[in-house]
N, C-alpha and C. Protein backbone atom coordinates (compact mmCIF):
# COMPACT_ATOMS: atom_id res chain seq x y z
N MET A 1 -54.98 -76.28 17.63
CA MET A 1 -56.30 -75.48 17.42
C MET A 1 -56.92 -75.57 17.03
N SER A 2 -57.38 -77.20 16.97
CA SER A 2 -58.21 -77.69 16.43
C SER A 2 -59.05 -77.95 17.71
N GLU A 3 -58.71 -78.09 18.76
CA GLU A 3 -59.43 -78.28 20.26
C GLU A 3 -59.93 -76.96 20.50
N VAL A 4 -59.55 -76.15 20.52
CA VAL A 4 -59.95 -74.65 20.86
C VAL A 4 -61.50 -74.30 20.00
N PRO A 5 -62.25 -73.87 20.57
CA PRO A 5 -63.73 -74.01 20.45
C PRO A 5 -63.80 -72.44 19.12
N PRO A 6 -64.39 -72.71 17.90
CA PRO A 6 -64.16 -71.73 17.04
C PRO A 6 -64.61 -70.29 17.74
N GLY A 7 -65.52 -69.87 18.82
CA GLY A 7 -65.67 -68.59 18.88
C GLY A 7 -64.79 -67.74 19.89
N VAL A 8 -63.94 -68.66 20.49
CA VAL A 8 -62.79 -68.68 20.91
C VAL A 8 -61.44 -67.88 19.71
N ILE A 9 -61.71 -68.26 18.62
CA ILE A 9 -60.70 -68.10 17.67
C ILE A 9 -61.40 -66.64 17.24
N GLU A 10 -62.32 -66.90 16.91
CA GLU A 10 -62.92 -65.69 16.27
C GLU A 10 -62.59 -64.20 17.58
N ARG A 11 -62.68 -64.63 18.29
CA ARG A 11 -62.26 -63.47 19.21
C ARG A 11 -61.37 -63.20 19.28
N LEU A 12 -59.77 -64.09 19.40
CA LEU A 12 -58.93 -63.53 19.32
C LEU A 12 -58.11 -63.24 17.93
N LYS A 13 -59.20 -63.30 16.89
CA LYS A 13 -59.11 -62.67 15.54
C LYS A 13 -59.49 -61.15 15.77
N HIS A 14 -60.76 -60.98 15.99
CA HIS A 14 -60.89 -59.88 16.10
C HIS A 14 -60.21 -58.83 17.20
N TYR A 15 -59.66 -59.26 18.01
CA TYR A 15 -58.34 -58.78 19.27
C TYR A 15 -57.55 -58.24 18.23
N PHE A 16 -56.71 -59.21 17.54
CA PHE A 16 -55.66 -59.34 16.85
C PHE A 16 -55.94 -58.13 15.40
N LEU A 17 -57.09 -58.06 15.13
CA LEU A 17 -57.53 -56.91 13.72
C LEU A 17 -57.83 -55.94 14.39
N SER A 18 -58.09 -55.29 15.72
CA SER A 18 -58.55 -54.27 16.25
C SER A 18 -57.81 -53.28 17.06
N TYR A 19 -56.97 -54.10 17.76
CA TYR A 19 -56.30 -53.50 18.83
C TYR A 19 -55.47 -52.30 18.58
N LYS A 20 -54.95 -52.33 17.35
CA LYS A 20 -54.00 -50.94 16.83
C LYS A 20 -55.06 -50.00 15.86
N ARG A 21 -56.39 -50.51 15.67
CA ARG A 21 -57.29 -49.36 15.25
C ARG A 21 -57.43 -48.05 15.74
N PRO A 22 -57.15 -47.10 15.23
CA PRO A 22 -57.29 -45.79 15.73
C PRO A 22 -58.73 -45.85 16.29
N PRO A 23 -59.13 -44.79 17.32
CA PRO A 23 -60.64 -45.03 17.42
C PRO A 23 -61.42 -44.03 16.53
N GLY A 24 -62.43 -44.53 16.51
CA GLY A 24 -63.53 -44.23 15.42
C GLY A 24 -63.55 -45.19 13.96
N GLN A 25 -62.34 -45.66 13.83
CA GLN A 25 -61.99 -46.40 12.77
C GLN A 25 -62.78 -47.44 12.55
N SER A 26 -63.80 -47.81 11.61
CA SER A 26 -64.51 -48.59 11.62
C SER A 26 -63.83 -50.04 10.81
N ASP A 27 -64.48 -50.88 10.68
CA ASP A 27 -64.15 -52.40 10.12
C ASP A 27 -63.68 -52.21 8.67
N SER A 28 -64.86 -51.50 8.17
CA SER A 28 -64.92 -51.12 6.83
C SER A 28 -63.34 -50.76 6.29
N ASP A 29 -63.34 -49.83 7.00
CA ASP A 29 -61.39 -48.97 6.51
C ASP A 29 -60.48 -49.65 6.71
N LYS A 30 -59.83 -49.33 5.62
CA LYS A 30 -58.25 -50.28 5.29
C LYS A 30 -57.71 -50.59 6.79
N SER A 31 -57.49 -51.73 6.94
CA SER A 31 -56.83 -52.33 8.05
C SER A 31 -55.23 -52.33 7.99
N VAL A 32 -54.34 -52.05 9.47
CA VAL A 32 -52.99 -51.94 9.12
C VAL A 32 -52.52 -53.54 9.54
N VAL A 33 -53.90 -54.49 9.67
CA VAL A 33 -53.32 -55.42 10.54
C VAL A 33 -54.13 -56.75 9.65
N TYR A 34 -53.59 -57.80 8.91
CA TYR A 34 -54.49 -59.02 8.90
C TYR A 34 -53.74 -60.05 8.89
N ILE A 35 -54.77 -61.10 9.12
CA ILE A 35 -54.50 -62.67 9.42
C ILE A 35 -54.49 -63.72 8.23
N ASP A 36 -53.29 -64.02 8.11
CA ASP A 36 -52.79 -64.62 7.30
C ASP A 36 -53.63 -65.74 7.18
N GLU A 37 -53.44 -66.64 8.36
CA GLU A 37 -53.57 -68.24 8.46
C GLU A 37 -53.73 -68.19 10.42
N VAL A 38 -54.31 -69.48 10.76
CA VAL A 38 -54.33 -69.46 12.32
C VAL A 38 -53.01 -70.54 12.52
N TYR A 39 -52.07 -70.62 13.24
CA TYR A 39 -50.90 -71.29 13.23
C TYR A 39 -51.26 -72.38 14.71
N GLY A 40 -50.45 -73.67 15.00
CA GLY A 40 -50.51 -74.64 15.61
C GLY A 40 -49.70 -73.84 16.29
N PRO A 41 -49.57 -74.81 17.94
CA PRO A 41 -48.31 -74.41 18.83
C PRO A 41 -47.58 -74.39 18.11
N ASN A 42 -46.63 -74.81 17.96
CA ASN A 42 -45.44 -75.25 16.82
C ASN A 42 -45.28 -74.27 16.03
N ARG A 43 -45.53 -73.78 15.47
CA ARG A 43 -45.45 -73.00 14.22
C ARG A 43 -45.38 -71.36 14.56
N ALA A 44 -46.29 -71.29 15.89
CA ALA A 44 -46.43 -69.94 16.44
C ALA A 44 -45.22 -69.70 17.07
N HIS A 45 -44.59 -70.72 18.33
CA HIS A 45 -43.56 -70.72 18.92
C HIS A 45 -42.68 -70.20 17.48
N GLU A 46 -42.66 -70.80 16.63
CA GLU A 46 -41.28 -70.40 15.83
C GLU A 46 -41.49 -68.84 15.42
N VAL A 47 -42.78 -68.49 14.81
CA VAL A 47 -42.92 -67.72 14.28
C VAL A 47 -42.52 -66.22 15.60
N ILE A 48 -42.86 -66.32 16.80
CA ILE A 48 -42.69 -65.42 17.70
C ILE A 48 -41.64 -65.46 18.12
N ARG A 49 -40.06 -66.82 18.12
CA ARG A 49 -38.90 -66.97 18.04
C ARG A 49 -38.19 -65.88 17.05
N GLN A 50 -38.87 -66.12 15.57
CA GLN A 50 -38.39 -65.18 14.54
C GLN A 50 -38.37 -63.26 14.72
N SER A 51 -39.77 -63.37 15.68
CA SER A 51 -40.04 -62.05 15.70
C SER A 51 -39.21 -61.39 16.93
N MET A 52 -38.95 -62.18 17.83
CA MET A 52 -38.11 -61.56 18.94
C MET A 52 -36.65 -61.44 18.20
N GLN A 53 -36.24 -62.15 17.40
CA GLN A 53 -34.90 -62.13 16.68
C GLN A 53 -34.88 -60.95 15.84
N ASP A 54 -35.72 -60.58 15.04
CA ASP A 54 -36.15 -59.39 14.18
C ASP A 54 -35.74 -58.31 15.00
N TYR A 55 -36.86 -58.06 16.35
CA TYR A 55 -36.67 -57.15 17.33
C TYR A 55 -35.07 -57.00 17.52
N GLU A 56 -34.43 -58.04 18.36
CA GLU A 56 -33.66 -58.04 18.76
C GLU A 56 -32.34 -57.40 17.90
N THR A 57 -32.22 -57.41 16.24
CA THR A 57 -31.45 -57.23 15.39
C THR A 57 -31.69 -55.40 14.92
N ALA A 58 -32.97 -55.34 15.44
CA ALA A 58 -33.30 -53.91 14.86
C ALA A 58 -33.15 -52.63 15.81
N PHE A 59 -33.36 -53.65 17.77
CA PHE A 59 -33.07 -52.67 18.80
C PHE A 59 -32.22 -52.80 19.87
N GLY A 60 -31.47 -54.22 19.51
CA GLY A 60 -30.44 -54.67 20.45
C GLY A 60 -30.77 -55.22 21.56
N SER A 61 -30.18 -56.14 22.14
CA SER A 61 -30.73 -56.99 22.99
C SER A 61 -31.28 -55.87 24.26
N GLU A 62 -31.80 -57.04 25.18
CA GLU A 62 -32.07 -56.21 26.31
C GLU A 62 -31.05 -55.98 27.02
N GLU A 63 -30.12 -56.36 27.46
CA GLU A 63 -28.66 -56.19 28.28
C GLU A 63 -28.26 -55.28 27.69
N SER A 64 -27.97 -54.94 26.23
CA SER A 64 -27.36 -53.55 25.25
C SER A 64 -28.63 -52.15 25.73
N ARG A 65 -29.82 -52.84 25.41
CA ARG A 65 -30.41 -51.52 25.90
C ARG A 65 -30.41 -51.37 27.40
N LEU A 66 -30.35 -51.67 28.23
CA LEU A 66 -30.02 -51.80 29.77
C LEU A 66 -28.83 -51.00 29.90
N GLU A 67 -27.87 -51.55 29.35
CA GLU A 67 -26.58 -50.42 29.67
C GLU A 67 -26.32 -49.63 29.10
N GLU A 68 -27.28 -49.46 27.64
CA GLU A 68 -27.30 -47.71 26.99
C GLU A 68 -28.16 -47.11 27.98
N LEU A 69 -29.31 -47.28 28.57
CA LEU A 69 -29.74 -46.74 29.55
C LEU A 69 -28.77 -46.56 30.65
N ARG A 70 -28.15 -46.63 31.30
CA ARG A 70 -27.61 -46.94 32.22
C ARG A 70 -26.27 -45.86 32.24
N GLN A 71 -25.83 -45.50 30.95
CA GLN A 71 -25.09 -44.79 30.45
C GLN A 71 -25.53 -43.71 30.28
N LEU A 72 -26.89 -43.56 29.95
CA LEU A 72 -27.31 -42.17 29.70
C LEU A 72 -27.83 -41.64 30.80
N LEU A 73 -28.45 -42.42 31.69
CA LEU A 73 -28.60 -41.66 33.27
C LEU A 73 -27.65 -41.23 34.11
N SER A 74 -26.86 -41.62 33.86
CA SER A 74 -24.94 -41.69 34.46
C SER A 74 -24.38 -40.02 33.85
N GLU A 75 -24.65 -39.88 32.26
CA GLU A 75 -24.11 -38.75 31.89
C GLU A 75 -25.12 -37.62 32.61
N GLY A 76 -26.09 -38.03 32.41
CA GLY A 76 -27.45 -36.86 32.74
C GLY A 76 -27.32 -36.64 34.78
N LEU A 77 -26.91 -37.60 34.99
CA LEU A 77 -26.63 -37.51 36.76
C LEU A 77 -25.17 -36.22 36.60
N HIS A 78 -24.55 -36.75 36.04
CA HIS A 78 -23.05 -36.37 35.97
C HIS A 78 -23.28 -34.38 35.39
N GLU A 79 -23.67 -34.52 34.35
CA GLU A 79 -24.07 -33.01 33.77
C GLU A 79 -24.78 -32.17 35.01
N ASN A 80 -25.67 -33.02 35.63
CA ASN A 80 -26.49 -31.96 36.65
C ASN A 80 -25.56 -31.71 37.37
N CYS A 81 -24.96 -32.54 38.28
CA CYS A 81 -23.87 -32.08 38.95
C CYS A 81 -23.35 -31.17 38.62
N SER A 82 -22.29 -31.69 38.07
CA SER A 82 -21.58 -30.68 37.32
C SER A 82 -21.96 -29.09 36.95
N SER A 83 -22.98 -28.89 37.01
CA SER A 83 -23.76 -27.64 36.41
C SER A 83 -24.37 -26.74 37.55
N GLN A 84 -24.36 -27.83 38.76
CA GLN A 84 -25.11 -26.71 40.15
C GLN A 84 -23.79 -26.43 41.08
N LYS A 85 -22.79 -27.37 40.54
CA LYS A 85 -21.51 -26.65 41.46
C LYS A 85 -21.46 -25.10 41.47
N PRO A 86 -21.10 -24.89 42.98
CA PRO A 86 -20.88 -23.31 42.92
C PRO A 86 -19.39 -23.08 42.29
N LYS A 87 -19.16 -21.51 41.88
CA LYS A 87 -18.26 -21.54 41.15
C LYS A 87 -17.06 -21.61 41.63
N ASP A 88 -16.91 -21.57 43.13
CA ASP A 88 -15.29 -21.63 44.11
C ASP A 88 -15.36 -23.20 43.98
N GLY A 89 -16.01 -23.90 43.76
CA GLY A 89 -16.16 -25.56 44.25
C GLY A 89 -16.51 -25.86 45.27
N LYS A 90 -16.89 -24.98 46.09
CA LYS A 90 -16.93 -25.55 47.78
C LYS A 90 -18.71 -25.31 48.25
N ARG A 91 -18.92 -26.17 49.20
CA ARG A 91 -19.69 -26.56 49.81
C ARG A 91 -19.62 -25.74 51.37
N LYS A 92 -20.81 -25.42 51.91
CA LYS A 92 -21.21 -24.64 52.91
C LYS A 92 -20.90 -25.75 53.95
N LYS A 93 -20.93 -25.54 55.29
CA LYS A 93 -21.21 -27.11 56.09
C LYS A 93 -22.46 -27.59 56.28
N ASP A 94 -23.39 -27.04 55.74
CA ASP A 94 -24.65 -27.67 55.74
C ASP A 94 -24.85 -28.47 54.08
N GLY A 95 -23.88 -28.67 53.63
CA GLY A 95 -24.08 -29.13 52.27
C GLY A 95 -24.62 -28.40 51.29
N LYS A 96 -24.86 -26.83 51.84
CA LYS A 96 -26.02 -26.16 50.30
C LYS A 96 -24.37 -25.50 49.93
N LYS A 97 -24.83 -25.38 48.71
CA LYS A 97 -23.55 -24.46 48.01
C LYS A 97 -23.14 -23.11 48.78
N SER A 98 -22.00 -22.55 48.46
CA SER A 98 -22.02 -21.39 49.08
C SER A 98 -22.38 -20.35 47.49
N ARG A 99 -22.61 -19.27 48.45
CA ARG A 99 -23.24 -17.81 46.98
C ARG A 99 -22.00 -17.00 47.72
N LYS A 100 -21.85 -16.09 46.38
CA LYS A 100 -21.33 -15.04 46.15
C LYS A 100 -21.64 -13.78 46.49
């Protein structure tokens, strides 16, 4: 970070301090975000890795979330299909449900 111009660091700080701020909230209002220190690349990578691990612990892995989504979609499709079947369970030749 010592090679990055101070102006770039200040812009990055401003971005991270303000991007979660609700519209209309001023800089003087209590912030939900603060910057404790500016890390070098090695420490930054470690913080990112730990954050990703914390996220996975809280919400599961990408694979497990994708499998859960597939299961929910599959259940929704099955429920939708079963609720649309005609009472006699037969379809007309044109593929539409029969009506009684």
